[in-house]
Amino acid sequence: MAVGLVVGLALGSGAWAQQVWKCEANGQVRFSDKPCPGSGQPVSARSLQPNVVDSIKPEVVRATLGGAPASGAASAPPAREPAGNVCPADGEIANMEVRANSTTLGDAERQFMQDEVRRAWQCRKGQGRYTDADWAISRQAQARQTNTGSRDRRDARMRAEAMHSAADPDEGDRISRRRIAEERVRQREQQQQQNGFTQRGIPKGQNPASSPTS
């Protein structure tokens, strides 16, 4: 009803020849081009003319037709941008680099620490999608690389690498390929150890004549 009235007002002076009815229902006043179903009274078109300018403002018409909100109306909040990467600060990375070069670390522990430094710099360059909780796992794993229990150190590295694989698919692919390569090296070493014995069970390099006889 309101849309028809606004559009009619916007069409020109010809629309003023039609009768307009002022209707009251539930304490609210509405205007219609048809007689009111209950009580109402006709309104002179002349008395509506002072409101014509406001009625045909573009923003009012758009709001009435369901388009953009009228001036002053509350608009929907803009969509939130995806959260950015949370990465270690420069000072933390510098401390990580110092620990990664410590001579007190074993080979596996030192390699892990160096990998964490590289991952931190990758994060700073925008690679992956990390949170504060992710780097808390990394810091815990770094701290445990100085523990005496080798299993504890290895489990901590595994948890950190699982976190990196989830936060950064590219790094997860790198970790998977490295583990495959390490497994191949381990299998090759086991094969070499097995080949270190002859079919008689005598280690290679030992003189058969010196072996005990039954």
Foldseek 3Di string as FASTA:
>chain_A
DLLVVLVLLVPDDVSQVQWKKWDADPNDIDIDSDYDPPDIDIDHSVVCVVCSVVSNDVQNSCVVVPHDHHPPDDDDDDDDDDDAADADDPVVLVVLVVLLPDPLFDPVLSVLSVVVSVVRVCSVVRAFHHDPVLVVLVVVLNVCRNPPDPVSNVVSSVVNLVSCCVRGVVSVVVVVVVVVVVVVVVVVVVVVVVVQADPVRHGPPDDPVPDDDD
